[in-house]
Structure formats: structure tokens, C-alpha cells
Amino acid sequence: MARKKKIEYHSYTEGTVRYMSCMVCGNYERVGESAIGVKCSNCIMKTMMNQYPLEDKSYKPTGRPAGWHWMTEFVDKDGNVFHRGVEQPKLKGTLQPTLVKQSKKKTKRRTKEQILVNRHNKKKAALKKAVKKQKDFLNHELGDK
């Protein structure tokens, strides 16, 4: 039976410290004198994450309005009746769905650039008005026509 030839990865010594390139990505890591191969911590983390994928913990909407479970009585579009968030299966389909008014949308805050553009436009309009007033004065036109 033939033995596999072990590959020694590129290494260099800086003073008394030996560095060797990672077997996967090629980044250099500190190693001992007898090491013949190394994997960096980033590559180990990537392989571990692939082995154990994270659970999807994102928010999944129910289709019910915010605070529905605090209402004394809430009926969803399927006819399910809830009293303070607790379902009442005996009352299913006996009541009309609860109408919930939509909250008004918040206005977005203006950026600094938008504020400067608006200020510039106001000054421009005021300047235009002043120039027109001077032209009317020079042309002997009064504003009381």
C-alpha cells in the first residue's frame, strides 16, 4: 500500500516566529516548528457555519394590525374572534371583522442637501422679486394699477 505524500505549505520565518500559509485561503498564520499545514480561523468559521446553518429568526407578519392582542375584542378576516389576544373558538364566524384605521405616515426628515437647495431657491425667488421691483421703479410703473 502506497503512502500519501504529505504536502508542506509555504512558510517563512521572521526572527524566531514561523508563519505558514493557510491551506484554503493563503493567509499567513503563526505556527509551531513541527507544523506542516494550517487553516486560519476565518476558514474554520466558514466550514463550521456551512455545517450548522443558522435558523432563520426573521420577523414573519401575521396580517393582523399592531396591538391586536391588547384589544378587548378583535375579529380577523377569517372570522376568528379574540378577547385580549386569547382565541374564542365558540364565537368563530359570528362577528364582522374588526376595522382598523391606518396610522398616518410619518414625514421623512430632509437631508442637509435638501435644506440647502430649499434655502437657495427661497433666496433666488426673493432676489428675483427685488429685481422686478427695481425695474418697475425705473420704468415708472406703480404697483397700484
C-alpha atoms as a PDB file:
ATOM      1  CA  MET A   1       0.000   0.000   0.000  1.00  0.00           C
ATOM      2  CA  ALA A   2       1.425   3.338  -1.070  1.00  0.00           C
ATOM      3  CA  ARG A   3       1.621   6.184   1.402  1.00  0.00           C
ATOM      4  CA  LYS A   4       0.255   9.592   0.534  1.00  0.00           C
ATOM      5  CA  LYS A   5       2.953  12.186   0.217  1.00  0.00           C
ATOM      6  CA  LYS A   6       2.292  14.989   2.673  1.00  0.00           C
ATOM      7  CA  ILE A   7       2.402  18.454   1.156  1.00  0.00           C
ATOM      8  CA  GLU A   8       4.188  21.095   3.179  1.00  0.00           C
ATOM      9  CA  TYR A   9       2.648  24.512   2.606  1.00  0.00           C
ATOM     10  CA  HIS A  10       4.700  27.662   2.049  1.00  0.00           C
ATOM     11  CA  SER A  11       6.215  29.077   5.198  1.00  0.00           C
ATOM     12  CA  TYR A  12       8.754  31.658   6.273  1.00  0.00           C
ATOM     13  CA  THR A  13      10.495  32.557   9.496  1.00  0.00           C
ATOM     14  CA  GLU A  14      10.675  36.056  10.886  1.00  0.00           C
ATOM     15  CA  GLY A  15      13.129  36.162  13.769  1.00  0.00           C
ATOM     16  CA  THR A  16      12.151  33.173  15.913  1.00  0.00           C
ATOM     17  CA  VAL A  17       8.488  33.069  14.790  1.00  0.00           C
ATOM     18  CA  ARG A  18       7.396  30.756  11.951  1.00  0.00           C
ATOM     19  CA  TYR A  19       4.484  31.710   9.660  1.00  0.00           C
ATOM     20  CA  MET A  20       2.697  29.325   7.272  1.00  0.00           C
ATOM     21  CA  SER A  21       0.076  29.972   4.586  1.00  0.00           C
ATOM     22  CA  CYS A  22      -3.492  28.749   5.155  1.00  0.00           C
ATOM     23  CA  MET A  23      -4.390  25.597   3.183  1.00  0.00           C
ATOM     24  CA  VAL A  24      -7.650  27.200   1.982  1.00  0.00           C
ATOM     25  CA  CYS A  25      -7.241  30.949   1.513  1.00  0.00           C
ATOM     26  CA  GLY A  26      -3.477  31.524   1.648  1.00  0.00           C
ATOM     27  CA  ASN A  27      -3.387  33.982   4.579  1.00  0.00           C
ATOM     28  CA  TYR A  28      -0.323  33.599   6.782  1.00  0.00           C
ATOM     29  CA  GLU A  29      -0.755  32.325  10.349  1.00  0.00           C
ATOM     30  CA  ARG A  30       1.682  31.825  13.246  1.00  0.00           C
ATOM     31  CA  VAL A  31       2.614  28.155  13.662  1.00  0.00           C
ATOM     32  CA  GLY A  32       4.948  25.926  15.648  1.00  0.00           C
ATOM     33  CA  GLU A  33       8.161  24.380  14.314  1.00  0.00           C
ATOM     34  CA  SER A  34       6.671  20.942  13.585  1.00  0.00           C
ATOM     35  CA  ALA A  35       3.559  22.152  11.678  1.00  0.00           C
ATOM     36  CA  ILE A  36       3.132  21.013   8.058  1.00  0.00           C
ATOM     37  CA  GLY A  37      -0.243  22.647   7.346  1.00  0.00           C
ATOM     38  CA  VAL A  38      -2.589  25.207   8.890  1.00  0.00           C
ATOM     39  CA  LYS A  39      -6.139  26.526   8.478  1.00  0.00           C
ATOM     40  CA  CYS A  40      -6.864  30.084   9.577  1.00  0.00           C
ATOM     41  CA  SER A  41      -9.702  30.904  11.972  1.00  0.00           C
ATOM     42  CA  ASN A  42     -11.784  32.525   9.196  1.00  0.00           C
ATOM     43  CA  CYS A  43     -11.747  29.345   7.092  1.00  0.00           C
ATOM     44  CA  ILE A  44     -12.625  27.214  10.110  1.00  0.00           C
ATOM     45  CA  MET A  45     -15.575  29.504  10.905  1.00  0.00           C
ATOM     46  CA  LYS A  46     -16.801  29.267   7.301  1.00  0.00           C
ATOM     47  CA  THR A  47     -16.682  25.466   7.327  1.00  0.00           C
ATOM     48  CA  MET A  48     -18.451  25.329  10.707  1.00  0.00           C
ATOM     49  CA  MET A  49     -21.183  27.716   9.550  1.00  0.00           C
ATOM     50  CA  ASN A  50     -21.804  25.588   6.457  1.00  0.00           C
ATOM     51  CA  GLN A  51     -22.058  22.511   8.671  1.00  0.00           C
ATOM     52  CA  TYR A  52     -24.523  24.123  11.102  1.00  0.00           C
ATOM     53  CA  PRO A  53     -26.617  26.747   9.269  1.00  0.00           C
ATOM     54  CA  LEU A  54     -28.243  29.444  11.375  1.00  0.00           C
ATOM     55  CA  GLU A  55     -32.003  29.308  11.902  1.00  0.00           C
ATOM     56  CA  ASP A  56     -33.998  31.991  10.178  1.00  0.00           C
ATOM     57  CA  LYS A  57     -35.119  34.247  13.041  1.00  0.00           C
ATOM     58  CA  SER A  58     -36.612  36.992  10.901  1.00  0.00           C
ATOM     59  CA  TYR A  59     -39.985  38.566  11.620  1.00  0.00           C
ATOM     60  CA  LYS A  60     -42.931  36.874   9.900  1.00  0.00           C
ATOM     61  CA  PRO A  61     -46.039  39.084   9.727  1.00  0.00           C
ATOM     62  CA  THR A  62     -49.388  37.580  10.799  1.00  0.00           C
ATOM     63  CA  GLY A  63     -51.505  40.022   8.799  1.00  0.00           C
ATOM     64  CA  ARG A  64     -53.045  41.420  11.977  1.00  0.00           C
ATOM     65  CA  PRO A  65     -52.567  45.068  12.995  1.00  0.00           C
ATOM     66  CA  ALA A  66     -50.108  46.150  15.654  1.00  0.00           C
ATOM     67  CA  GLY A  67     -51.501  45.736  19.169  1.00  0.00           C
ATOM     68  CA  TRP A  68     -54.354  43.425  18.139  1.00  0.00           C
ATOM     69  CA  HIS A  69     -53.713  41.226  21.178  1.00  0.00           C
ATOM     70  CA  TRP A  70     -54.349  44.161  23.545  1.00  0.00           C
ATOM     71  CA  MET A  71     -57.810  44.898  22.106  1.00  0.00           C
ATOM     72  CA  THR A  72     -60.771  43.807  24.230  1.00  0.00           C
ATOM     73  CA  GLU A  73     -62.263  42.167  21.154  1.00  0.00           C
ATOM     74  CA  PHE A  74     -60.609  41.584  17.794  1.00  0.00           C
ATOM     75  CA  VAL A  75     -62.004  39.666  14.811  1.00  0.00           C
ATOM     76  CA  ASP A  76     -59.584  38.841  11.973  1.00  0.00           C
ATOM     77  CA  LYS A  77     -60.554  38.482   8.305  1.00  0.00           C
ATOM     78  CA  ASP A  78     -61.046  34.692   8.679  1.00  0.00           C
ATOM     79  CA  GLY A  79     -63.692  35.219  11.389  1.00  0.00           C
ATOM     80  CA  ASN A  80     -61.526  34.139  14.341  1.00  0.00           C
ATOM     81  CA  VAL A  81     -62.560  36.019  17.486  1.00  0.00           C
ATOM     82  CA  PHE A  82     -60.001  37.072  20.108  1.00  0.00           C
ATOM     83  CA  HIS A  83     -60.625  38.561  23.557  1.00  0.00           C
ATOM     84  CA  ARG A  84     -57.431  40.259  24.776  1.00  0.00           C
ATOM     85  CA  GLY A  85     -55.349  38.050  22.452  1.00  0.00           C
ATOM     86  CA  VAL A  86     -56.984  34.765  23.514  1.00  0.00           C
ATOM     87  CA  GLU A  87     -58.869  32.962  20.754  1.00  0.00           C
ATOM     88  CA  GLN A  88     -62.546  32.178  21.351  1.00  0.00           C
ATOM     89  CA  PRO A  89     -63.318  29.208  19.050  1.00  0.00           C
ATOM     90  CA  LYS A  90     -67.026  29.123  20.044  1.00  0.00           C
ATOM     91  CA  LEU A  91     -67.547  32.608  18.584  1.00  0.00           C
ATOM     92  CA  LYS A  92     -65.810  31.938  15.250  1.00  0.00           C
ATOM     93  CA  GLY A  93     -67.706  33.432  12.306  1.00  0.00           C
ATOM     94  CA  THR A  94     -70.359  35.131  14.455  1.00  0.00           C
ATOM     95  CA  LEU A  95     -68.968  38.683  14.251  1.00  0.00           C
ATOM     96  CA  GLN A  96     -67.880  41.054  11.493  1.00  0.00           C
ATOM     97  CA  PRO A  97     -64.098  41.579  11.035  1.00  0.00           C
ATOM     98  CA  THR A  98     -62.684  44.462  13.065  1.00  0.00           C
ATOM     99  CA  LEU A  99     -61.989  47.593  11.030  1.00  0.00           C
ATOM    100  CA  VAL A 100     -58.637  49.108  11.911  1.00  0.00           C
ATOM    101  CA  LYS A 101     -57.856  52.637  10.817  1.00  0.00           C
ATOM    102  CA  GLN A 102     -54.431  53.076   9.250  1.00  0.00           C
ATOM    103  CA  SER A 103     -51.990  55.337  11.037  1.00  0.00           C
ATOM    104  CA  LYS A 104     -50.798  58.350   9.091  1.00  0.00           C
ATOM    105  CA  LYS A 105     -47.367  58.044   7.551  1.00  0.00           C
ATOM    106  CA  LYS A 106     -44.536  59.951   9.137  1.00  0.00           C
ATOM    107  CA  THR A 107     -42.874  62.608   7.030  1.00  0.00           C
ATOM    108  CA  LYS A 108     -39.295  61.888   6.198  1.00  0.00           C
ATOM    109  CA  ARG A 109     -36.638  64.164   7.583  1.00  0.00           C
ATOM    110  CA  ARG A 110     -34.970  66.355   4.978  1.00  0.00           C
ATOM    111  CA  THR A 111     -31.294  65.830   4.249  1.00  0.00           C
ATOM    112  CA  LYS A 112     -28.798  68.649   4.617  1.00  0.00           C
ATOM    113  CA  GLU A 113     -28.605  68.891   0.837  1.00  0.00           C
ATOM    114  CA  GLN A 114     -32.388  69.309   0.525  1.00  0.00           C
ATOM    115  CA  ILE A 115     -32.360  72.024   3.200  1.00  0.00           C
ATOM    116  CA  LEU A 116     -29.606  73.910   1.353  1.00  0.00           C
ATOM    117  CA  VAL A 117     -31.417  73.594  -2.015  1.00  0.00           C
ATOM    118  CA  ASN A 118     -34.657  74.943  -0.494  1.00  0.00           C
ATOM    119  CA  ARG A 119     -32.806  77.860   1.119  1.00  0.00           C
ATOM    120  CA  HIS A 120     -31.124  78.649  -2.213  1.00  0.00           C
ATOM    121  CA  ASN A 121     -34.471  78.593  -4.045  1.00  0.00           C
ATOM    122  CA  LYS A 122     -36.033  80.965  -1.476  1.00  0.00           C
ATOM    123  CA  LYS A 123     -33.140  83.420  -1.793  1.00  0.00           C
ATOM    124  CA  LYS A 124     -33.336  83.197  -5.583  1.00  0.00           C
ATOM    125  CA  ALA A 125     -37.085  83.983  -5.522  1.00  0.00           C
ATOM    126  CA  ALA A 126     -36.540  86.935  -3.149  1.00  0.00           C
ATOM    127  CA  LEU A 127     -33.773  88.287  -5.397  1.00  0.00           C
ATOM    128  CA  LYS A 128     -35.983  87.933  -8.483  1.00  0.00           C
ATOM    129  CA  LYS A 129     -38.766  89.837  -6.709  1.00  0.00           C
ATOM    130  CA  ALA A 130     -36.359  92.632  -5.695  1.00  0.00           C
ATOM    131  CA  VAL A 131     -35.019  92.946  -9.260  1.00  0.00           C
ATOM    132  CA  LYS A 132     -38.578  93.172 -10.650  1.00  0.00           C
ATOM    133  CA  LYS A 133     -39.419  95.851  -8.078  1.00  0.00           C
ATOM    134  CA  GLN A 134     -36.373  97.906  -9.142  1.00  0.00           C
ATOM    135  CA  LYS A 135     -37.253  97.514 -12.858  1.00  0.00           C
ATOM    136  CA  ASP A 136     -40.815  98.674 -12.159  1.00  0.00           C
ATOM    137  CA  PHE A 137     -39.464 101.692 -10.263  1.00  0.00           C
ATOM    138  CA  LEU A 138     -37.110 102.611 -13.148  1.00  0.00           C
ATOM    139  CA  ASN A 139     -39.936 102.202 -15.692  1.00  0.00           C
ATOM    140  CA  HIS A 140     -42.184 104.441 -13.546  1.00  0.00           C
ATOM    141  CA  GLU A 141     -44.696 101.656 -13.033  1.00  0.00           C
ATOM    142  CA  LEU A 142     -46.512 101.749  -9.768  1.00  0.00           C
ATOM    143  CA  GLY A 143     -47.987  98.660  -8.193  1.00  0.00           C
ATOM    144  CA  ASP A 144     -51.489 100.231  -7.803  1.00  0.00           C
ATOM    145  CA  LYS A 145     -52.826  99.752 -11.347  1.00  0.00           C
END
